[in-house]
Amino acid sequence: MFMGVLRKGVRVEGHVGLSIGGFLREEIGMDAEYIESRIQTIFLNGRPVDDVEAAVIGDGDALALSASMPGLAGATLRKGGHFAGLRSTISYREEGSAKRSGKGVVTIKLFNLIAKELAPLFFERGFIMDGEDFSGVLHSHHETLSAGLRSVEIDGQAEDMEKLEITDWDPKEVFLRVRMNESSVGHRRGNV
């Protein structure tokens, strides 16, 4: 239901001024081995990244994560790949002044298998999304949501599905957190 939203990008609040690797481990809760072996393509503000420990993430930055992509483009964009030299003019480099350390908001975009694998982690942690996107998911997946939701809270108050559906979410930002029971999370929880 939310794969399109995860590809478009969700915003997460956290401590910035860390390396990408540090941010993913400490703020998102990913395992270092998962970052190293599974996330093969990383873009920071539209530029491919080779070293997740050297690139620093700042407030307002956009981070895109993907498993390996097929073909020459995938081989060229893969972090630290043999063909990384072919993209040296577009690769990410730290430039100028250091990024401010402190609280910030980062847009994260998840693609292909990474989106499916990391979705439970992001739902449990919570993220900010546009109200228009949230409204679209509510209306296009009404039956699935009605069947799967056990409880709903809006601004800390218990509500019903009807209140969720009749609220005009379009002009708002929505902080979405989904608490999943163990059977819905499954074995993937230990992987990230």
C-alpha atoms as a PDB file:
ATOM      1  CA  MET A   1       0.000   0.000   0.000  1.00  0.00           C
ATOM      2  CA  PHE A   2       2.774   2.437   0.872  1.00  0.00           C
ATOM      3  CA  MET A   3       5.447   1.423  -1.665  1.00  0.00           C
ATOM      4  CA  GLY A   4       4.736   4.478  -3.849  1.00  0.00           C
ATOM      5  CA  VAL A   5       5.047   6.750  -0.814  1.00  0.00           C
ATOM      6  CA  LEU A   6       8.366   5.142   0.187  1.00  0.00           C
ATOM      7  CA  ARG A   7       9.704   5.639  -3.364  1.00  0.00           C
ATOM      8  CA  LYS A   8       8.557   9.277  -3.391  1.00  0.00           C
ATOM      9  CA  GLY A   9      10.221   9.832  -0.035  1.00  0.00           C
ATOM     10  CA  VAL A  10       9.273  10.086   3.618  1.00  0.00           C
ATOM     11  CA  ARG A  11      10.801  12.459   6.129  1.00  0.00           C
ATOM     12  CA  VAL A  12      12.431  11.264   9.324  1.00  0.00           C
ATOM     13  CA  GLU A  13      13.523  13.343  12.251  1.00  0.00           C
ATOM     14  CA  GLY A  14      16.834  12.575  13.870  1.00  0.00           C
ATOM     15  CA  HIS A  15      20.321  13.706  14.759  1.00  0.00           C
ATOM     16  CA  VAL A  16      22.136  15.072  11.683  1.00  0.00           C
ATOM     17  CA  GLY A  17      25.795  15.886  11.179  1.00  0.00           C
ATOM     18  CA  LEU A  18      26.548  12.153  11.235  1.00  0.00           C
ATOM     19  CA  SER A  19      27.932  10.086   8.403  1.00  0.00           C
ATOM     20  CA  ILE A  20      25.299   8.323   6.305  1.00  0.00           C
ATOM     21  CA  GLY A  21      26.343   5.042   7.916  1.00  0.00           C
ATOM     22  CA  GLY A  22      26.088   6.560  11.393  1.00  0.00           C
ATOM     23  CA  PHE A  23      22.668   8.043  10.646  1.00  0.00           C
ATOM     24  CA  LEU A  24      21.311   4.752   9.290  1.00  0.00           C
ATOM     25  CA  ARG A  25      22.656   2.779  12.268  1.00  0.00           C
ATOM     26  CA  GLU A  26      22.030   5.189  15.135  1.00  0.00           C
ATOM     27  CA  GLU A  27      18.925   7.080  14.030  1.00  0.00           C
ATOM     28  CA  ILE A  28      17.092   4.550  11.840  1.00  0.00           C
ATOM     29  CA  GLY A  29      18.255   1.379  13.613  1.00  0.00           C
ATOM     30  CA  MET A  30      19.769  -0.535  10.701  1.00  0.00           C
ATOM     31  CA  ASP A  31      22.362  -3.224  11.193  1.00  0.00           C
ATOM     32  CA  ALA A  32      25.883  -2.372   9.925  1.00  0.00           C
ATOM     33  CA  GLU A  33      26.080  -5.650   7.988  1.00  0.00           C
ATOM     34  CA  TYR A  34      22.774  -4.888   6.244  1.00  0.00           C
ATOM     35  CA  ILE A  35      24.033  -1.443   5.195  1.00  0.00           C
ATOM     36  CA  GLU A  36      27.296  -2.884   3.896  1.00  0.00           C
ATOM     37  CA  SER A  37      25.995  -5.939   2.072  1.00  0.00           C
ATOM     38  CA  ARG A  38      22.402  -5.208   1.078  1.00  0.00           C
ATOM     39  CA  ILE A  39      22.259  -1.488   0.259  1.00  0.00           C
ATOM     40  CA  GLN A  40      24.254  -1.291  -2.942  1.00  0.00           C
ATOM     41  CA  THR A  41      23.247   2.090  -4.357  1.00  0.00           C
ATOM     42  CA  ILE A  42      23.071   5.275  -2.308  1.00  0.00           C
ATOM     43  CA  PHE A  43      22.347   8.800  -3.486  1.00  0.00           C
ATOM     44  CA  LEU A  44      22.745  11.869  -1.282  1.00  0.00           C
ATOM     45  CA  ASN A  45      21.004  14.900  -2.774  1.00  0.00           C
ATOM     46  CA  GLY A  46      20.955  13.220  -6.182  1.00  0.00           C
ATOM     47  CA  ARG A  47      24.648  12.280  -6.236  1.00  0.00           C
ATOM     48  CA  PRO A  48      25.964   8.691  -5.947  1.00  0.00           C
ATOM     49  CA  VAL A  49      27.853   7.916  -2.733  1.00  0.00           C
ATOM     50  CA  ASP A  50      30.715   5.413  -2.467  1.00  0.00           C
ATOM     51  CA  ASP A  51      31.737   5.733   1.181  1.00  0.00           C
ATOM     52  CA  VAL A  52      28.854   5.829   3.690  1.00  0.00           C
ATOM     53  CA  GLU A  53      31.281   6.742   6.493  1.00  0.00           C
ATOM     54  CA  ALA A  54      32.758   9.753   4.678  1.00  0.00           C
ATOM     55  CA  ALA A  55      29.547  11.387   3.409  1.00  0.00           C
ATOM     56  CA  VAL A  56      27.819  13.480   6.088  1.00  0.00           C
ATOM     57  CA  ILE A  57      24.059  13.933   6.217  1.00  0.00           C
ATOM     58  CA  GLY A  58      22.588  17.331   7.064  1.00  0.00           C
ATOM     59  CA  ASP A  59      19.224  18.874   7.824  1.00  0.00           C
ATOM     60  CA  GLY A  60      17.042  18.943   4.702  1.00  0.00           C
ATOM     61  CA  ASP A  61      19.140  16.405   2.783  1.00  0.00           C
ATOM     62  CA  ALA A  62      17.585  13.692   0.608  1.00  0.00           C
ATOM     63  CA  LEU A  63      18.909  10.130   0.824  1.00  0.00           C
ATOM     64  CA  ALA A  64      17.918   7.401  -1.664  1.00  0.00           C
ATOM     65  CA  LEU A  65      18.651   3.724  -0.928  1.00  0.00           C
ATOM     66  CA  SER A  66      18.462   0.768  -3.298  1.00  0.00           C
ATOM     67  CA  ALA A  67      19.583  -2.817  -3.624  1.00  0.00           C
ATOM     68  CA  SER A  68      21.742  -3.549  -6.659  1.00  0.00           C
ATOM     69  CA  MET A  69      20.236  -2.453  -9.945  1.00  0.00           C
ATOM     70  CA  PRO A  70      20.608  -4.393 -13.199  1.00  0.00           C
ATOM     71  CA  GLY A  71      22.788  -3.619 -16.189  1.00  0.00           C
ATOM     72  CA  LEU A  72      25.604  -1.190 -16.815  1.00  0.00           C
ATOM     73  CA  ALA A  73      23.784   1.658 -15.063  1.00  0.00           C
ATOM     74  CA  GLY A  74      23.462  -0.472 -11.929  1.00  0.00           C
ATOM     75  CA  ALA A  75      27.111  -1.504 -12.089  1.00  0.00           C
ATOM     76  CA  THR A  76      28.192   2.118 -12.583  1.00  0.00           C
ATOM     77  CA  LEU A  77      26.065   3.495  -9.731  1.00  0.00           C
ATOM     78  CA  ARG A  78      26.875   0.730  -7.216  1.00  0.00           C
ATOM     79  CA  LYS A  79      28.810   2.070  -4.230  1.00  0.00           C
ATOM     80  CA  GLY A  80      32.508   1.322  -4.538  1.00  0.00           C
ATOM     81  CA  GLY A  81      31.930  -0.666  -7.731  1.00  0.00           C
ATOM     82  CA  HIS A  82      34.501  -1.322 -10.450  1.00  0.00           C
ATOM     83  CA  PHE A  83      32.866   1.244 -12.738  1.00  0.00           C
ATOM     84  CA  ALA A  84      32.586   4.030 -10.130  1.00  0.00           C
ATOM     85  CA  GLY A  85      35.320   5.935 -11.982  1.00  0.00           C
ATOM     86  CA  LEU A  86      32.959   6.380 -14.932  1.00  0.00           C
ATOM     87  CA  ARG A  87      30.814   8.664 -12.796  1.00  0.00           C
ATOM     88  CA  SER A  88      33.535  10.605 -10.988  1.00  0.00           C
ATOM     89  CA  THR A  89      32.116  13.957 -12.125  1.00  0.00           C
ATOM     90  CA  ILE A  90      28.710  13.267 -10.542  1.00  0.00           C
ATOM     91  CA  SER A  91      29.772  11.347  -7.412  1.00  0.00           C
ATOM     92  CA  TYR A  92      29.142  12.885  -4.004  1.00  0.00           C
ATOM     93  CA  ARG A  93      32.041  14.719  -2.352  1.00  0.00           C
ATOM     94  CA  GLU A  94      32.071  16.653   0.895  1.00  0.00           C
ATOM     95  CA  GLU A  95      32.613  20.278   0.011  1.00  0.00           C
ATOM     96  CA  GLY A  96      32.994  23.516   1.905  1.00  0.00           C
ATOM     97  CA  SER A  97      31.829  23.974   5.460  1.00  0.00           C
ATOM     98  CA  ALA A  98      30.913  21.167   7.796  1.00  0.00           C
ATOM     99  CA  LYS A  99      27.242  20.315   8.171  1.00  0.00           C
ATOM    100  CA  ARG A 100      25.586  21.420  11.392  1.00  0.00           C
ATOM    101  CA  SER A 101      25.207  18.772  14.069  1.00  0.00           C
ATOM    102  CA  GLY A 102      21.896  18.539  15.931  1.00  0.00           C
ATOM    103  CA  LYS A 103      18.270  17.730  15.269  1.00  0.00           C
ATOM    104  CA  GLY A 104      17.093  17.773  11.690  1.00  0.00           C
ATOM    105  CA  VAL A 105      14.800  16.239   9.101  1.00  0.00           C
ATOM    106  CA  VAL A 106      16.030  13.982   6.280  1.00  0.00           C
ATOM    107  CA  THR A 107      13.992  12.756   3.316  1.00  0.00           C
ATOM    108  CA  ILE A 108      14.579   9.060   2.677  1.00  0.00           C
ATOM    109  CA  LYS A 109      13.542   7.306  -0.531  1.00  0.00           C
ATOM    110  CA  LEU A 110      13.490   3.504  -0.644  1.00  0.00           C
ATOM    111  CA  PHE A 111      13.583   1.499  -3.871  1.00  0.00           C
ATOM    112  CA  ASN A 112      13.087  -2.096  -5.034  1.00  0.00           C
ATOM    113  CA  LEU A 113      13.771  -4.860  -2.500  1.00  0.00           C
ATOM    114  CA  ILE A 114      15.115  -2.369   0.033  1.00  0.00           C
ATOM    115  CA  ALA A 115      11.662  -0.762   0.275  1.00  0.00           C
ATOM    116  CA  LYS A 116      10.019  -4.103   1.030  1.00  0.00           C
ATOM    117  CA  GLU A 117      12.665  -5.140   3.526  1.00  0.00           C
ATOM    118  CA  LEU A 118      12.884  -1.835   5.377  1.00  0.00           C
ATOM    119  CA  ALA A 119       9.191  -0.857   5.366  1.00  0.00           C
ATOM    120  CA  PRO A 120       8.480  -2.552   8.747  1.00  0.00           C
ATOM    121  CA  LEU A 121      11.421  -0.730  10.346  1.00  0.00           C
ATOM    122  CA  PHE A 122      10.228   2.656   9.055  1.00  0.00           C
ATOM    123  CA  PHE A 123       6.611   2.008  10.067  1.00  0.00           C
ATOM    124  CA  GLU A 124       7.613   1.050  13.603  1.00  0.00           C
ATOM    125  CA  ARG A 125       9.933   4.078  13.916  1.00  0.00           C
ATOM    126  CA  GLY A 126       7.474   6.469  12.315  1.00  0.00           C
ATOM    127  CA  PHE A 127       7.898   9.019   9.547  1.00  0.00           C
ATOM    128  CA  ILE A 128       6.401  12.221   8.182  1.00  0.00           C
ATOM    129  CA  MET A 129       4.493  12.161   4.901  1.00  0.00           C
ATOM    130  CA  ASP A 130       2.324  14.567   2.948  1.00  0.00           C
ATOM    131  CA  GLY A 131      -1.335  14.487   3.928  1.00  0.00           C
ATOM    132  CA  GLU A 132      -2.344  14.225   0.275  1.00  0.00           C
ATOM    133  CA  ASP A 133      -0.348  10.987  -0.060  1.00  0.00           C
ATOM    134  CA  PHE A 134      -1.826   9.656   3.193  1.00  0.00           C
ATOM    135  CA  SER A 135      -5.346  10.461   1.996  1.00  0.00           C
ATOM    136  CA  GLY A 136      -4.653   8.668  -1.291  1.00  0.00           C
ATOM    137  CA  VAL A 137      -3.561   5.511   0.522  1.00  0.00           C
ATOM    138  CA  LEU A 138      -6.607   5.650   2.817  1.00  0.00           C
ATOM    139  CA  HIS A 139      -9.032   5.900  -0.076  1.00  0.00           C
ATOM    140  CA  SER A 140      -7.401   3.436  -2.462  1.00  0.00           C
ATOM    141  CA  HIS A 141      -6.868   0.735   0.216  1.00  0.00           C
ATOM    142  CA  HIS A 142      -9.949   1.272   2.385  1.00  0.00           C
ATOM    143  CA  GLU A 143     -10.935  -2.403   2.668  1.00  0.00           C
ATOM    144  CA  THR A 144      -7.436  -3.646   3.474  1.00  0.00           C
ATOM    145  CA  LEU A 145      -6.911  -0.986   6.122  1.00  0.00           C
ATOM    146  CA  SER A 146     -10.343  -1.546   7.665  1.00  0.00           C
ATOM    147  CA  ALA A 147      -9.631  -5.265   7.954  1.00  0.00           C
ATOM    148  CA  GLY A 148      -6.101  -4.880   9.305  1.00  0.00           C
ATOM    149  CA  LEU A 149      -6.312  -1.993  11.759  1.00  0.00           C
ATOM    150  CA  ARG A 150      -7.020  -2.884  15.353  1.00  0.00           C
ATOM    151  CA  SER A 151      -6.910   0.666  16.683  1.00  0.00           C
ATOM    152  CA  VAL A 152      -6.358   4.216  15.467  1.00  0.00           C
ATOM    153  CA  GLU A 153      -4.998   7.233  17.328  1.00  0.00           C
ATOM    154  CA  ILE A 154      -5.123  10.781  16.030  1.00  0.00           C
ATOM    155  CA  ASP A 155      -3.116  13.302  18.049  1.00  0.00           C
ATOM    156  CA  GLY A 156      -2.913  10.785  20.903  1.00  0.00           C
ATOM    157  CA  GLN A 157      -6.680  10.233  21.079  1.00  0.00           C
ATOM    158  CA  ALA A 158      -8.303   6.879  20.304  1.00  0.00           C
ATOM    159  CA  GLU A 159     -10.485   7.189  17.198  1.00  0.00           C
ATOM    160  CA  ASP A 160     -12.265   4.884  14.787  1.00  0.00           C
ATOM    161  CA  MET A 161     -11.632   4.186  11.109  1.00  0.00           C
ATOM    162  CA  GLU A 162     -14.467   6.524  10.122  1.00  0.00           C
ATOM    163  CA  LYS A 163     -12.740   9.515  11.772  1.00  0.00           C
ATOM    164  CA  LEU A 164      -9.530   8.571   9.966  1.00  0.00           C
ATOM    165  CA  GLU A 165     -11.367   8.576   6.632  1.00  0.00           C
ATOM    166  CA  ILE A 166     -13.406  11.777   7.039  1.00  0.00           C
ATOM    167  CA  THR A 167     -10.518  13.955   8.207  1.00  0.00           C
ATOM    168  CA  ASP A 168      -9.183  16.263   5.487  1.00  0.00           C
ATOM    169  CA  TRP A 169      -5.510  15.261   5.457  1.00  0.00           C
ATOM    170  CA  ASP A 170      -4.572  17.019   2.199  1.00  0.00           C
ATOM    171  CA  PRO A 171      -3.271  20.333   3.574  1.00  0.00           C
ATOM    172  CA  LYS A 172      -1.407  18.678   6.464  1.00  0.00           C
ATOM    173  CA  GLU A 173       1.749  16.770   7.188  1.00  0.00           C
ATOM    174  CA  VAL A 174       1.107  13.399   8.788  1.00  0.00           C
ATOM    175  CA  PHE A 175       3.391  11.644  11.244  1.00  0.00           C
ATOM    176  CA  LEU A 176       2.593   7.973  10.705  1.00  0.00           C
ATOM    177  CA  ARG A 177       3.630   5.201  13.050  1.00  0.00           C
ATOM    178  CA  VAL A 178       2.335   1.674  12.691  1.00  0.00           C
ATOM    179  CA  ARG A 179       2.745  -0.750  15.529  1.00  0.00           C
ATOM    180  CA  MET A 180       2.750  -4.236  14.100  1.00  0.00           C
ATOM    181  CA  ASN A 181       2.157  -7.456  15.934  1.00  0.00           C
ATOM    182  CA  GLU A 182       4.938 -10.053  15.688  1.00  0.00           C
ATOM    183  CA  SER A 183       3.127 -12.198  13.114  1.00  0.00           C
ATOM    184  CA  SER A 184       2.884  -9.295  10.658  1.00  0.00           C
ATOM    185  CA  VAL A 185       6.551  -8.341  11.046  1.00  0.00           C
ATOM    186  CA  GLY A 186       7.788 -11.906  10.611  1.00  0.00           C
ATOM    187  CA  HIS A 187      11.370 -12.934  10.217  1.00  0.00           C
ATOM    188  CA  ARG A 188      12.433  -9.727   8.470  1.00  0.00           C
ATOM    189  CA  ARG A 189      12.647  -7.824  11.731  1.00  0.00           C
ATOM    190  CA  GLY A 190      16.005  -9.331  12.595  1.00  0.00           C
ATOM    191  CA  ASN A 191      17.514  -8.419   9.241  1.00  0.00           C
ATOM    192  CA  VAL A 192      17.605  -4.640   9.602  1.00  0.00           C
END
